[in-house]
Amino acid sequence: MSSIRRPEHTAPPEIFYGVDEAEKYTNNTRIMQIQAEMSERALELLALPDEPCYILDLGCGSGLSGECIEEQGHMWMGLDISQAMLDIAGERELEGDFACSDLGEGLPFRAGAFDGAISISALQWLCNADKSYHKPHKRLYKFFSTLYASLSRGSRAVFQFYPENSDQVEMITNQSMKAGFTGGLVVDYPNSTKAKKFFLVLMTGGSQPLPQGLGQEESHQSVGARFESRREKYKNMRGKSVKKSKDWILEKKERARKKGRDVRPDSKFTGRKRKDKW
């Protein structure tokens, strides 16, 4: 087993990304190149229209991903919990705005403010309890529900992240689905140890085809889970009646009659939902 500790297990993000770590995102060309490549891929998965859009950069750090957004002709707003990283971003000649914020406490924006959102290497930090009162699943739900509200309908949010295990992926996808998103996990170069990258692609406009992961054969679907909202799940049941619906109850009663059982006659009240008792 590797002895290398994951950054999120070393210290809270606002401490880990201090002055020394922040300087790497200005001086280390390798880190800057990788960050730019992942940002460009995330923007590609956003599938933005061919016009200027307003993008939210979650965990914007030193502004490297914001720079990629600007190069593609879009405007942006960035949030990050590390003031040291934002100080580096302030030294760069960037057109976007940014603010210090803990994503786990939710987003403060008005409904439908953004045309899309990207996040590079930040999502896994929300799965940690850095303080005694932190509950990761509650923080994730707070984050995803406020993000869903701040996005325009039909837009997407794309997260490049480093999941620690399958349980973490399940917790993240469950909370995003609970908040109203559909979408799934896109894995680029799934058979490569070094090039493998995970992207969570979330959609606000109902069920849509999941993008193809890079390094995969065209005939194969993207590696990873695809999930739907409850409403979309019902729409895709194809001929099957939703459990407890009127059609489902009538079909069940008809099967019972064929078996010779005593069944109450059908009426206009069959399958009608009763009011809650106070």
Protein backbone atom coordinates (compact mmCIF):
# COMPACT_ATOMS: atom_id res chain seq x y z
CA MET A 1 0.00 0.00 0.00
CA SER A 2 1.26 3.49 -0.88
CA SER A 3 2.48 5.61 2.01
CA ILE A 4 1.58 8.85 0.21
CA ARG A 5 -1.21 10.66 2.05
CA ARG A 6 -3.99 12.37 0.15
CA PRO A 7 -3.88 16.18 0.51
CA GLU A 8 -7.36 16.33 2.06
CA HIS A 9 -6.16 14.02 4.87
CA THR A 10 -3.20 16.28 5.63
CA ALA A 11 -4.95 19.51 6.62
CA PRO A 12 -8.12 21.54 5.86
CA PRO A 13 -7.97 23.18 2.39
CA GLU A 14 -7.57 26.73 3.70
CA ILE A 15 -4.44 25.54 5.56
CA PHE A 16 -3.05 23.05 3.03
CA TYR A 17 -3.25 25.64 0.26
CA GLY A 18 -1.16 28.17 2.15
CA VAL A 19 1.43 30.56 0.75
CA ASP A 20 4.01 27.88 -0.15
CA GLU A 21 1.50 25.63 -1.94
CA ALA A 22 -0.11 28.60 -3.69
CA GLU A 23 3.23 29.66 -5.17
CA LYS A 24 3.50 26.30 -6.95
CA TYR A 25 0.52 27.31 -9.11
CA THR A 26 2.56 30.27 -10.35
CA ASN A 27 6.06 28.79 -10.61
CA ASN A 28 5.54 25.09 -11.42
CA THR A 29 4.92 24.80 -15.16
CA ARG A 30 3.94 21.13 -14.89
CA ILE A 31 1.14 21.88 -12.41
CA MET A 32 -0.01 24.80 -14.55
CA GLN A 33 -0.10 22.62 -17.69
CA ILE A 34 -2.12 19.85 -16.01
CA GLN A 35 -4.53 22.40 -14.51
CA ALA A 36 -5.05 24.02 -17.91
CA GLU A 37 -5.66 20.68 -19.65
CA MET A 38 -8.26 19.61 -17.07
CA SER A 39 -9.96 23.01 -17.26
CA GLU A 40 -10.20 22.85 -21.05
CA ARG A 41 -11.66 19.35 -20.84
CA ALA A 42 -14.22 20.47 -18.24
CA LEU A 43 -15.27 23.36 -20.50
CA GLU A 44 -15.62 20.94 -23.40
CA LEU A 45 -17.93 18.74 -21.31
CA LEU A 46 -20.04 21.79 -20.41
CA ALA A 47 -21.19 21.89 -24.06
CA LEU A 48 -21.68 25.66 -23.98
CA PRO A 49 -23.46 27.48 -26.81
CA ASP A 50 -21.36 29.40 -29.32
CA GLU A 51 -21.78 32.72 -27.51
CA PRO A 52 -20.33 34.41 -24.41
CA CYS A 53 -21.55 32.76 -21.19
CA TYR A 54 -21.25 33.48 -17.48
CA ILE A 55 -19.41 30.61 -15.77
CA LEU A 56 -18.99 29.80 -12.08
CA ASP A 57 -15.55 28.43 -11.15
CA LEU A 58 -15.83 26.40 -7.93
CA GLY A 59 -12.51 26.11 -6.12
CA CYS A 60 -10.97 28.61 -8.55
CA GLY A 61 -7.61 28.66 -6.73
CA SER A 62 -5.01 30.89 -8.35
CA GLY A 63 -7.19 31.58 -11.39
CA LEU A 64 -5.62 29.12 -13.84
CA SER A 65 -9.01 27.67 -14.81
CA GLY A 66 -10.47 31.18 -14.96
CA GLU A 67 -7.80 32.07 -17.49
CA CYS A 68 -8.95 29.15 -19.68
CA ILE A 69 -12.54 30.39 -19.40
CA GLU A 70 -11.48 33.85 -20.56
CA GLU A 71 -9.49 32.43 -23.49
CA GLN A 72 -12.70 30.82 -24.75
CA GLY A 73 -14.52 34.16 -24.65
CA HIS A 74 -16.59 33.69 -21.50
CA MET A 75 -17.02 35.69 -18.31
CA TRP A 76 -16.58 34.07 -14.91
CA MET A 77 -16.92 34.29 -11.16
CA GLY A 78 -14.67 32.22 -8.87
CA LEU A 79 -14.97 30.94 -5.31
CA ASP A 80 -12.23 29.42 -3.17
CA ILE A 81 -11.70 28.81 0.55
CA SER A 82 -7.96 29.60 0.44
CA GLN A 83 -7.14 33.30 0.73
CA ALA A 84 -3.52 32.55 -0.19
CA MET A 85 -4.63 31.10 -3.54
CA LEU A 86 -6.95 34.07 -4.15
CA ASP A 87 -4.07 36.44 -3.43
CA ILE A 88 -2.11 34.76 -6.24
CA ALA A 89 -5.18 35.10 -8.49
CA GLY A 90 -5.32 38.80 -7.64
CA GLU A 91 -1.76 39.23 -8.89
CA ARG A 92 -2.69 37.82 -12.30
CA GLU A 93 -4.28 40.06 -14.92
CA LEU A 94 -7.64 38.35 -14.91
CA GLU A 95 -11.03 39.76 -15.85
CA GLY A 96 -13.10 37.50 -13.58
CA ASP A 97 -14.29 38.24 -10.08
CA PHE A 98 -13.53 35.98 -7.12
CA ALA A 99 -14.36 35.67 -3.45
CA CYS A 100 -13.33 33.61 -0.42
CA SER A 101 -16.06 31.10 0.40
CA ASP A 102 -16.63 27.64 1.92
CA LEU A 103 -18.60 25.68 -0.69
CA GLY A 104 -20.00 23.40 1.99
CA GLU A 105 -21.96 26.31 3.44
CA GLY A 106 -23.83 26.80 0.18
CA LEU A 107 -23.72 29.38 -2.62
CA PRO A 108 -25.11 32.92 -2.16
CA PHE A 109 -26.16 33.63 -5.74
CA ARG A 110 -29.57 34.47 -7.17
CA ALA A 111 -31.55 31.85 -9.08
CA GLY A 112 -30.36 31.15 -12.63
CA ALA A 113 -27.35 33.48 -12.34
CA PHE A 114 -24.90 31.24 -14.26
CA ASP A 115 -24.85 29.46 -17.61
CA GLY A 116 -22.61 26.68 -16.31
CA ALA A 117 -20.09 25.74 -13.64
CA ILE A 118 -16.74 23.96 -13.55
CA SER A 119 -14.59 22.72 -10.70
CA ILE A 120 -11.06 21.35 -10.84
CA SER A 121 -9.73 19.14 -8.03
CA ALA A 122 -12.00 20.58 -5.34
CA LEU A 123 -15.04 18.32 -4.89
CA GLN A 124 -13.29 15.59 -2.87
CA TRP A 125 -12.48 18.12 -0.12
CA LEU A 126 -16.20 18.36 0.74
CA CYS A 127 -16.19 14.66 1.68
CA ASN A 128 -14.02 15.37 4.72
CA ALA A 129 -15.13 16.49 8.18
CA ASP A 130 -12.51 19.13 8.94
CA LYS A 131 -14.45 20.45 11.92
CA SER A 132 -16.36 18.60 14.64
CA TYR A 133 -19.72 19.91 13.38
CA HIS A 134 -19.09 19.03 9.73
CA LYS A 135 -21.38 16.35 8.27
CA PRO A 136 -20.09 15.61 4.72
CA HIS A 137 -23.40 14.38 3.27
CA LYS A 138 -25.23 17.45 4.61
CA ARG A 139 -22.53 19.81 3.32
CA LEU A 140 -22.64 18.14 -0.10
CA TYR A 141 -26.43 18.46 -0.26
CA LYS A 142 -26.28 22.12 0.81
CA PHE A 143 -23.68 22.76 -1.88
CA PHE A 144 -25.47 20.90 -4.68
CA SER A 145 -28.94 22.27 -3.89
CA THR A 146 -27.73 25.90 -3.93
CA LEU A 147 -25.67 25.22 -7.06
CA TYR A 148 -28.72 23.76 -8.79
CA ALA A 149 -30.69 26.89 -7.96
CA SER A 150 -27.97 29.25 -9.22
CA LEU A 151 -27.71 27.57 -12.65
CA SER A 152 -29.96 28.40 -15.59
CA ARG A 153 -32.20 25.55 -16.69
CA GLY A 154 -30.62 23.33 -19.32
CA SER A 155 -27.08 24.16 -18.18
CA ARG A 156 -24.42 21.83 -16.80
CA ALA A 157 -21.88 21.63 -14.02
CA VAL A 158 -18.67 19.65 -14.56
CA PHE A 159 -16.41 18.53 -11.71
CA GLN A 160 -12.96 17.04 -12.20
CA PHE A 161 -12.13 15.32 -8.93
CA TYR A 162 -10.09 12.55 -7.35
CA PRO A 163 -12.43 10.08 -5.61
CA GLU A 164 -10.87 8.12 -2.78
CA ASN A 165 -13.15 5.09 -3.18
CA SER A 166 -16.51 3.93 -4.56
CA ASP A 167 -18.32 4.90 -1.34
CA GLN A 168 -17.22 8.49 -1.82
CA VAL A 169 -18.47 8.49 -5.42
CA GLU A 170 -21.81 7.09 -4.25
CA MET A 171 -22.19 9.73 -1.55
CA ILE A 172 -21.43 12.53 -4.01
CA THR A 173 -23.78 11.27 -6.73
CA ASN A 174 -26.59 10.54 -4.24
CA GLN A 175 -26.51 14.06 -2.83
CA SER A 176 -26.34 15.67 -6.28
CA MET A 177 -29.30 13.59 -7.47
CA LYS A 178 -31.22 14.48 -4.31
CA ALA A 179 -30.64 18.15 -5.14
CA GLY A 180 -32.30 17.69 -8.55
CA PHE A 181 -29.42 16.99 -10.94
CA THR A 182 -29.22 14.20 -13.49
CA GLY A 183 -26.02 13.08 -15.20
CA GLY A 184 -23.21 10.70 -14.38
CA LEU A 185 -19.53 9.94 -14.19
CA VAL A 186 -17.31 10.29 -17.26
CA VAL A 187 -13.87 8.65 -17.02
CA ASP A 188 -11.14 9.66 -19.47
CA TYR A 189 -8.46 7.06 -20.28
CA PRO A 190 -9.87 4.45 -17.85
CA ASN A 191 -7.10 1.95 -18.60
CA SER A 192 -4.24 4.37 -17.90
CA THR A 193 -2.78 4.75 -14.42
CA LYS A 194 -1.39 8.26 -14.98
CA ALA A 195 -3.80 9.76 -17.52
CA LYS A 196 -7.04 8.51 -15.92
CA LYS A 197 -9.33 11.39 -14.95
CA PHE A 198 -12.79 11.44 -13.34
CA PHE A 199 -15.40 14.02 -14.36
CA LEU A 200 -18.80 14.29 -12.75
CA VAL A 201 -21.14 15.77 -15.36
CA LEU A 202 -24.33 17.17 -13.83
CA MET A 203 -27.30 18.37 -15.88
CA THR A 204 -30.25 20.60 -14.99
CA GLY A 205 -32.40 20.08 -18.07
CA GLY A 206 -33.61 16.52 -17.51
CA SER A 207 -32.12 13.32 -18.88
CA GLN A 208 -29.52 13.85 -21.62
CA PRO A 209 -26.96 11.55 -23.26
CA LEU A 210 -23.77 11.28 -21.23
CA PRO A 211 -20.63 12.53 -23.04
CA GLN A 212 -18.08 10.00 -24.29
CA GLY A 213 -14.95 9.55 -22.20
CA LEU A 214 -11.62 10.04 -23.96
CA GLY A 215 -9.52 6.96 -24.68
CA GLN A 216 -12.55 4.71 -25.08
CA GLU A 217 -13.90 2.91 -28.12
CA GLU A 218 -16.88 4.63 -29.71
CA SER A 219 -19.01 1.51 -29.35
CA HIS A 220 -18.65 1.50 -25.58
CA GLN A 221 -20.56 3.72 -23.19
CA SER A 222 -18.71 5.91 -20.72
CA VAL A 223 -17.24 4.07 -17.79
CA GLY A 224 -18.98 4.89 -14.51
CA ALA A 225 -22.47 5.36 -13.21
CA ARG A 226 -25.27 7.25 -14.87
CA PHE A 227 -28.07 8.40 -12.64
CA GLU A 228 -31.45 10.05 -13.08
CA SER A 229 -33.90 12.01 -11.02
CA ARG A 230 -36.94 10.10 -9.77
CA ARG A 231 -39.12 11.85 -12.36
CA GLU A 232 -36.83 10.83 -15.23
CA LYS A 233 -36.72 7.28 -13.90
CA TYR A 234 -40.51 7.09 -14.06
CA LYS A 235 -40.57 8.51 -17.59
CA ASN A 236 -38.15 5.84 -18.78
CA MET A 237 -39.98 2.84 -17.34
CA ARG A 238 -41.56 2.25 -20.80
CA GLY A 239 -44.97 0.77 -20.36
CA LYS A 240 -44.60 -0.14 -16.72
CA SER A 241 -47.04 1.52 -14.33
CA VAL A 242 -45.53 3.50 -11.49
CA LYS A 243 -45.92 1.68 -8.17
CA LYS A 244 -48.95 2.85 -6.13
CA SER A 245 -50.35 4.78 -9.13
CA LYS A 246 -53.97 4.25 -10.23
CA ASP A 247 -52.96 2.09 -13.22
CA TRP A 248 -50.72 -0.03 -11.01
CA ILE A 249 -53.55 -0.59 -8.50
CA LEU A 250 -56.06 -1.49 -11.25
CA GLU A 251 -53.61 -3.99 -12.78
CA LYS A 252 -52.98 -5.55 -9.38
CA LYS A 253 -56.72 -5.86 -8.70
CA GLU A 254 -57.32 -7.43 -12.12
CA ARG A 255 -54.62 -10.05 -11.48
CA ALA A 256 -56.26 -10.86 -8.15
CA ARG A 257 -59.67 -11.28 -9.81
CA LYS A 258 -58.20 -13.71 -12.33
CA LYS A 259 -56.95 -15.76 -9.39
CA GLY A 260 -60.51 -15.93 -8.00
CA ARG A 261 -59.95 -13.63 -5.05
CA ASP A 262 -62.57 -11.24 -3.63
CA VAL A 263 -61.66 -7.72 -4.71
CA ARG A 264 -63.50 -4.48 -4.09
CA PRO A 265 -65.20 -2.99 -7.17
CA ASP A 266 -63.38 -0.25 -9.05
CA SER A 267 -64.63 3.30 -8.55
CA LYS A 268 -63.64 6.89 -9.22
CA PHE A 269 -61.84 6.84 -5.87
CA THR A 270 -59.58 3.91 -6.82
CA GLY A 271 -55.93 4.99 -6.59
CA ARG A 272 -56.78 8.46 -5.36
CA LYS A 273 -54.27 9.78 -2.86
CA ARG A 274 -55.85 10.51 0.50
CA LYS A 275 -55.24 13.72 2.34
CA ASP A 276 -52.88 13.62 5.28
CA LYS A 277 -54.48 13.53 8.71
CA TRP A 278 -53.70 16.45 10.96
